[in-house]
Amino acid sequence: MLETTRLLVIDDDKALLVGLAETIRREGPFEVLVADNGELGIQLAEEKQPQLIICDVIMPPPNGWMILKTLSQNPSTAAIPFIFLTARANGYDKVNGISLGADDYITKPFRIEELMVRIQAILRRKSITEQGERLKNKNEIQSLSQKIQELIETFSSNHLGLAEAMAQMLSLRDSETEEHARRVVELSISLAHELGVSDSELNNIRLGALLHDVGKVGIPDSILLKPGALTDEERKVMMTHSTLGRQIIEPLGLPFAVVDLVQHHHERWDGGGYPDNLLGESIPLSARIFAIVDVWDALINERTYRPAWPQEKALAYIAEQSGKHFDPVVVDKFRLIIERENHT
């Protein structure tokens, strides 16, 4: 079965819009979204992430130029190929469209055969570019796998040294992830100590906190380093990092509790987490502890797609998620720690 390609057509001429969409659907395995105004077109582009946009130039605001400019400034839509389709055939408009980032400029009237050839050419270029990126990511991952093997041989009897070295290795892909891993260690230990966790388990939590995101070495750069919000498909790929992390560290001889934290730190108390939809106390305590610290650190530190939250707002969110995302007992202990720190 051929894979369906999602296109978005934007034109205020409703008769042309419907007719063009139906014609394109008959030409191949296309899902064609339609928008009869610029605002709806921008909304659909952001929400549905089409693989190609065909857009008229002359429309009530936002017109085609404004639509392309808006989408070009949004990291989640900037790379979507864009074709202008318009009755204006003068050279200035064509140069202006290309300079704004359009991939092609087709004048009306046109033959459907010409439009389809141009659509296929742009999609083919997009596919080649994406294949090149996947190959690059595959080569990077193979290189990192070799580094992991070298680390295993170097630190075969020193688990903390191994975890530190692997966290440092992760910074080669994403320095923000490595910095986050180091920040969450001590707060995780403090919370675990408050809950009466034994010294040996404290050490396992230290190791697991350092390694919790090591699976992100297997996530493509286009997703891992994306400055904007992820699409639904990209989010599904990102969600594989906890299972990838388990697969990476399981052969290293680390304690089972460390592997459990890496595998299950995105589970939810109400069973709505991943990767295994564990519920309540079936989630390892180390993962329940770390889940709160992980979210807390993400909220109070700036991200490329949002500013840092004030601690008061973040703590209110943690409290609101008690019994939903988080273990209520662990939430109570966490709040005590934060409130104590704020009064010292």
Protein backbone atom coordinates (compact mmCIF):
# COMPACT_ATOMS: atom_id res chain seq x y z
CA MET A 1 0.00 0.00 0.00
CA LEU A 2 1.39 3.41 -1.01
CA GLU A 3 2.04 5.93 1.73
CA THR A 4 -0.34 8.91 1.66
CA THR A 5 1.19 12.36 1.25
CA ARG A 6 -0.56 15.23 3.05
CA LEU A 7 -0.90 18.49 1.11
CA LEU A 8 -2.49 21.80 2.12
CA VAL A 9 -4.13 24.08 -0.48
CA ILE A 10 -4.95 27.69 0.50
CA ASP A 11 -7.10 29.84 -1.81
CA ASP A 12 -10.02 32.22 -1.23
CA ASP A 13 -11.64 31.10 -4.52
CA LYS A 14 -13.75 28.29 -3.10
CA ALA A 15 -14.71 26.79 -6.45
CA LEU A 16 -11.07 26.59 -7.55
CA LEU A 17 -10.06 25.32 -4.11
CA VAL A 18 -12.51 22.40 -4.13
CA GLY A 19 -11.82 21.56 -7.77
CA LEU A 20 -8.04 21.59 -7.36
CA ALA A 21 -8.22 19.47 -4.22
CA GLU A 22 -10.36 16.83 -5.96
CA THR A 23 -8.08 16.81 -9.01
CA ILE A 24 -4.95 16.30 -6.90
CA ARG A 25 -6.61 13.46 -4.96
CA ARG A 26 -7.29 11.67 -8.25
CA GLU A 27 -3.64 11.98 -9.29
CA GLY A 28 -2.17 9.85 -6.52
CA PRO A 29 -2.20 8.83 -2.85
CA PHE A 30 -2.74 12.37 -1.52
CA GLU A 31 -4.61 13.62 1.52
CA VAL A 32 -5.55 17.20 0.59
CA LEU A 33 -6.44 19.69 3.31
CA VAL A 34 -8.13 22.93 2.19
CA ALA A 35 -8.35 26.42 3.65
CA ASP A 36 -10.34 29.27 2.08
CA ASN A 37 -8.57 31.99 4.07
CA GLY A 38 -5.08 32.72 5.36
CA GLU A 39 -5.80 32.39 9.07
CA LEU A 40 -7.25 28.91 8.62
CA GLY A 41 -4.33 28.00 6.36
CA ILE A 42 -1.78 29.00 9.01
CA GLN A 43 -3.72 27.08 11.67
CA LEU A 44 -3.89 23.91 9.57
CA ALA A 45 -0.21 24.15 8.66
CA GLU A 46 0.75 24.33 12.35
CA GLU A 47 -1.65 21.63 13.54
CA LYS A 48 -1.55 19.12 10.67
CA GLN A 49 2.06 19.53 9.48
CA PRO A 50 1.47 18.93 5.74
CA GLN A 51 4.37 17.78 3.57
CA LEU A 52 3.69 20.54 1.01
CA ILE A 53 1.66 23.77 0.86
CA ILE A 54 0.11 25.26 -2.31
CA CYS A 55 -1.07 28.82 -1.75
CA ASP A 56 -2.64 31.66 -3.71
CA VAL A 57 -0.96 35.07 -3.45
CA ILE A 58 -3.81 37.56 -3.72
CA MET A 59 -6.27 37.05 -0.86
CA PRO A 60 -7.75 39.16 1.92
CA PRO A 61 -5.16 39.52 4.74
CA PRO A 62 -3.25 37.49 5.55
CA ASN A 63 -2.38 37.09 1.88
CA GLY A 64 0.04 34.55 0.43
CA TRP A 65 3.16 36.62 1.19
CA MET A 66 2.06 37.06 4.81
CA ILE A 67 1.23 33.37 5.19
CA LEU A 68 4.65 32.29 3.94
CA LYS A 69 6.41 34.85 6.16
CA THR A 70 4.45 33.68 9.23
CA LEU A 71 5.13 29.99 8.58
CA SER A 72 8.82 30.68 7.86
CA GLN A 73 9.21 32.26 11.30
CA ASN A 74 7.68 29.25 13.09
CA PRO A 75 10.26 26.48 13.67
CA SER A 76 7.56 23.80 13.36
CA THR A 77 6.50 24.93 9.85
CA ALA A 78 9.59 26.67 8.44
CA ALA A 79 10.81 23.58 6.56
CA ILE A 80 7.50 22.75 4.84
CA PRO A 81 7.89 23.17 1.04
CA PHE A 82 5.73 26.02 -0.32
CA ILE A 83 4.37 26.63 -3.84
CA PHE A 84 2.73 29.90 -4.88
CA LEU A 85 -0.15 29.45 -7.33
CA THR A 86 -1.40 32.76 -8.74
CA ALA A 87 -2.70 34.69 -11.74
CA ARG A 88 -0.02 37.35 -11.23
CA ALA A 89 2.73 36.51 -13.67
CA ASN A 90 5.08 39.50 -13.43
CA GLY A 91 8.76 38.93 -12.68
CA TYR A 92 8.78 41.02 -9.49
CA ASP A 93 6.17 38.82 -7.80
CA LYS A 94 8.06 35.66 -8.74
CA VAL A 95 11.36 37.04 -7.40
CA ASN A 96 9.62 38.25 -4.24
CA GLY A 97 8.05 34.83 -3.66
CA ILE A 98 11.30 32.95 -4.11
CA SER A 99 13.18 35.44 -1.92
CA LEU A 100 10.65 34.84 0.88
CA GLY A 101 11.47 31.12 0.73
CA ALA A 102 8.91 29.71 -1.72
CA ASP A 103 10.06 26.55 -3.50
CA ASP A 104 8.16 27.27 -6.71
CA TYR A 105 5.84 29.81 -8.36
CA ILE A 106 3.16 28.66 -10.82
CA THR A 107 0.94 31.04 -12.77
CA LYS A 108 -2.71 30.53 -13.63
CA PRO A 109 -4.03 29.15 -15.90
CA PHE A 110 -1.95 26.01 -15.59
CA ARG A 111 -2.12 22.41 -16.73
CA ILE A 112 -2.64 19.88 -13.96
CA GLU A 113 0.17 17.78 -15.46
CA GLU A 114 2.59 20.68 -14.92
CA LEU A 115 1.45 21.18 -11.32
CA MET A 116 1.78 17.48 -10.50
CA VAL A 117 5.27 17.28 -12.02
CA ARG A 118 6.37 20.22 -9.88
CA ILE A 119 4.75 18.79 -6.76
CA GLN A 120 6.49 15.44 -7.30
CA ALA A 121 9.85 17.15 -7.94
CA ILE A 122 9.64 19.14 -4.69
CA LEU A 123 8.53 16.10 -2.69
CA ARG A 124 11.39 14.08 -4.20
CA ARG A 125 13.93 16.73 -3.15
CA LYS A 126 12.39 16.77 0.34
CA SER A 127 12.66 12.96 0.56
CA ILE A 128 16.32 13.00 -0.53
CA THR A 129 17.13 15.65 2.07
CA GLU A 130 15.38 13.66 4.82
CA GLN A 131 17.15 10.45 3.78
CA GLY A 132 20.46 12.26 4.02
CA GLU A 133 19.60 13.46 7.51
CA ARG A 134 18.57 9.95 8.58
CA LEU A 135 21.86 8.56 7.27
CA LYS A 136 23.77 11.25 9.13
CA ASN A 137 21.88 10.41 12.35
CA LYS A 138 22.49 6.68 11.82
CA ASN A 139 26.22 7.31 11.42
CA GLU A 140 26.25 9.49 14.54
CA ILE A 141 24.42 6.82 16.54
CA GLN A 142 26.86 4.13 15.36
CA SER A 143 29.74 6.35 16.44
CA LEU A 144 28.13 6.90 19.84
CA SER A 145 27.53 3.16 20.21
CA GLN A 146 31.24 2.60 19.72
CA LYS A 147 31.99 5.22 22.38
CA ILE A 148 29.58 3.45 24.76
CA GLN A 149 31.43 0.17 24.23
CA GLU A 150 34.72 1.90 24.96
CA LEU A 151 33.25 3.39 28.15
CA ILE A 152 32.04 -0.05 29.27
CA GLU A 153 35.56 -1.44 28.89
CA THR A 154 37.10 1.52 30.74
CA PHE A 155 34.64 1.64 33.65
CA SER A 156 33.67 -2.04 33.91
CA SER A 157 33.97 -2.02 37.73
CA ASN A 158 33.12 1.64 38.39
CA HIS A 159 29.40 2.26 37.89
CA LEU A 160 29.42 5.92 38.93
CA GLY A 161 32.37 6.63 36.66
CA LEU A 162 30.53 4.93 33.81
CA ALA A 163 27.36 6.95 34.43
CA GLU A 164 29.33 10.22 34.60
CA ALA A 165 31.14 9.41 31.38
CA MET A 166 27.92 8.48 29.57
CA ALA A 167 26.24 11.68 30.73
CA GLN A 168 29.20 13.61 29.37
CA MET A 169 28.90 11.67 26.10
CA LEU A 170 25.25 12.71 25.83
CA SER A 171 26.37 16.34 25.75
CA LEU A 172 27.87 15.63 22.32
CA ARG A 173 24.29 15.42 21.02
CA ASP A 174 22.47 17.84 23.31
CA SER A 175 24.17 19.92 26.01
CA GLU A 176 20.79 20.97 27.47
CA THR A 177 19.90 17.33 28.20
CA GLU A 178 23.25 16.69 29.87
CA GLU A 179 22.96 19.84 32.03
CA HIS A 180 19.42 18.81 33.03
CA ALA A 181 20.69 15.33 34.01
CA ARG A 182 23.27 16.80 36.36
CA ARG A 183 20.85 19.28 37.96
CA VAL A 184 18.27 16.65 38.90
CA VAL A 185 20.68 14.31 40.70
CA GLU A 186 20.98 16.03 44.08
CA LEU A 187 17.31 16.95 44.36
CA SER A 188 16.37 13.34 43.56
CA ILE A 189 18.71 12.15 46.32
CA SER A 190 17.25 14.66 48.81
CA LEU A 191 13.70 13.57 48.02
CA ALA A 192 14.60 9.88 48.26
CA HIS A 193 16.34 10.48 51.62
CA GLU A 194 13.22 12.29 52.88
CA LEU A 195 11.22 9.16 51.98
CA GLY A 196 13.57 6.91 53.97
CA VAL A 197 15.26 5.21 51.04
CA SER A 198 18.31 3.11 51.98
CA ASP A 199 21.87 4.19 51.19
CA SER A 200 22.31 1.50 48.52
CA GLU A 201 19.08 2.60 46.82
CA LEU A 202 20.21 6.25 47.03
CA ASN A 203 23.23 5.32 44.96
CA ASN A 204 21.01 3.59 42.39
CA ILE A 205 18.86 6.71 42.14
CA ARG A 206 22.00 8.80 41.64
CA LEU A 207 23.06 6.57 38.75
CA GLY A 208 19.57 6.44 37.25
CA ALA A 209 19.14 10.21 37.44
CA LEU A 210 22.41 10.72 35.59
CA LEU A 211 21.44 8.20 32.92
CA HIS A 212 17.69 8.79 32.65
CA ASP A 213 17.84 10.42 29.22
CA VAL A 214 20.73 8.44 27.74
CA GLY A 215 18.28 6.94 25.22
CA LYS A 216 18.12 10.33 23.52
CA VAL A 217 21.37 9.45 21.76
CA GLY A 218 19.10 7.42 19.46
CA ILE A 219 16.69 10.28 18.67
CA PRO A 220 17.27 12.12 15.34
CA ASP A 221 18.69 15.65 15.61
CA SER A 222 15.70 17.02 13.71
CA ILE A 223 13.54 16.01 16.69
CA LEU A 224 15.98 16.14 19.61
CA LEU A 225 17.23 19.64 18.77
CA LYS A 226 14.01 21.06 17.32
CA PRO A 227 13.52 24.58 18.74
CA GLY A 228 9.73 24.53 18.56
CA ALA A 229 6.97 22.23 19.77
CA LEU A 230 7.00 18.66 18.41
CA THR A 231 4.32 17.29 16.11
CA ASP A 232 2.34 14.22 17.20
CA GLU A 233 4.55 11.95 15.08
CA GLU A 234 7.74 13.54 16.40
CA ARG A 235 6.47 13.18 19.96
CA LYS A 236 5.94 9.45 19.39
CA VAL A 237 9.57 9.15 18.30
CA MET A 238 10.77 11.16 21.31
CA MET A 239 8.76 8.90 23.62
CA THR A 240 10.90 5.94 22.57
CA HIS A 241 13.93 7.36 24.41
CA SER A 242 13.10 5.65 27.71
CA THR A 243 12.98 2.21 26.06
CA LEU A 244 16.11 3.02 24.05
CA GLY A 245 17.79 4.01 27.30
CA ARG A 246 16.95 0.65 28.86
CA GLN A 247 18.30 -1.15 25.80
CA ILE A 248 21.55 0.81 26.04
CA ILE A 249 22.24 0.30 29.77
CA GLU A 250 20.75 -3.16 30.34
CA PRO A 251 23.90 -4.97 29.09
CA LEU A 252 26.19 -2.88 31.32
CA GLY A 253 25.65 -4.87 34.52
CA LEU A 254 24.09 -1.96 36.41
CA PRO A 255 21.62 -2.71 39.24
CA PHE A 256 18.05 -3.45 38.14
CA ALA A 257 16.85 -0.37 40.05
CA VAL A 258 18.91 1.88 37.75
CA VAL A 259 17.43 0.26 34.65
CA ASP A 260 13.93 0.61 36.17
CA LEU A 261 14.36 4.37 36.68
CA VAL A 262 15.58 4.89 33.11
CA GLN A 263 12.74 2.76 31.68
CA HIS A 264 9.89 4.10 33.80
CA HIS A 265 10.56 7.75 34.67
CA HIS A 266 7.73 8.86 32.33
CA GLU A 267 5.06 6.60 33.84
CA ARG A 268 2.12 8.33 35.54
CA TRP A 269 0.45 7.47 38.87
CA ASP A 270 -2.92 7.30 37.06
CA GLY A 271 -1.62 4.82 34.45
CA GLY A 272 -1.49 7.30 31.58
CA GLY A 273 2.29 7.38 31.16
CA TYR A 274 4.75 5.48 28.98
CA PRO A 275 6.22 3.15 27.88
CA ASP A 276 4.28 0.49 29.87
CA ASN A 277 1.25 2.38 31.28
CA LEU A 278 2.14 1.28 34.80
CA LEU A 279 -0.32 2.32 37.51
CA GLY A 280 0.20 3.51 41.09
CA GLU A 281 2.62 1.52 43.21
CA SER A 282 3.43 -0.81 40.33
CA ILE A 283 5.72 2.02 39.20
CA PRO A 284 9.13 1.58 40.89
CA LEU A 285 9.57 4.04 43.77
CA SER A 286 12.78 5.38 42.23
CA ALA A 287 10.85 6.31 39.06
CA ARG A 288 8.02 7.89 41.10
CA ILE A 289 10.57 10.00 42.94
CA PHE A 290 12.44 11.00 39.83
CA ALA A 291 9.28 11.80 37.83
CA ILE A 292 8.53 14.79 40.08
CA VAL A 293 12.10 16.10 40.04
CA ASP A 294 12.29 15.68 36.27
CA VAL A 295 9.14 17.73 35.65
CA TRP A 296 10.10 20.32 38.29
CA ASP A 297 13.49 20.96 36.71
CA ALA A 298 11.96 21.20 33.23
CA LEU A 299 9.40 23.76 34.42
CA ILE A 300 11.72 26.10 36.35
CA ASN A 301 14.36 26.24 33.62
CA GLU A 302 14.00 28.02 30.29
CA ARG A 303 13.29 25.97 27.18
CA THR A 304 13.67 27.08 23.57
CA TYR A 305 9.88 27.01 23.19
CA ARG A 306 8.91 28.71 26.49
CA PRO A 307 10.33 30.79 29.37
CA ALA A 308 11.09 29.36 32.81
CA TRP A 309 8.19 29.19 35.25
CA PRO A 310 8.40 30.90 38.67
CA GLN A 311 8.86 28.34 41.45
CA GLU A 312 5.45 29.19 42.93
CA LYS A 313 3.70 28.35 39.66
CA ALA A 314 5.71 25.15 39.19
CA LEU A 315 5.01 24.00 42.76
CA ALA A 316 1.29 24.69 42.31
CA TYR A 317 1.36 22.54 39.17
CA ILE A 318 3.12 19.69 40.99
CA ALA A 319 0.48 19.87 43.76
CA GLU A 320 -2.36 19.91 41.21
CA GLN A 321 -0.93 16.74 39.59
CA SER A 322 -0.89 14.83 42.89
CA GLY A 323 -2.81 11.59 42.34
CA LYS A 324 -2.78 12.16 38.58
CA HIS A 325 0.77 12.32 37.26
CA PHE A 326 2.50 11.91 40.62
CA ASP A 327 2.40 9.73 43.74
CA PRO A 328 0.59 11.83 46.41
CA VAL A 329 2.97 10.71 49.19
CA VAL A 330 6.02 11.71 47.15
CA VAL A 331 4.39 15.05 46.26
CA ASP A 332 3.89 15.88 49.95
CA LYS A 333 7.55 15.16 50.73
CA PHE A 334 8.69 17.14 47.69
CA ARG A 335 6.69 20.19 48.75
CA LEU A 336 8.25 20.02 52.21
CA ILE A 337 11.75 20.03 50.71
CA ILE A 338 11.06 23.01 48.41
CA GLU A 339 9.33 25.00 51.15
CA ARG A 340 12.20 24.24 53.53
CA GLU A 341 14.75 25.38 50.97
CA ASN A 342 12.84 28.59 50.38
CA HIS A 343 12.91 29.41 54.10
CA THR A 344 16.63 28.86 54.61
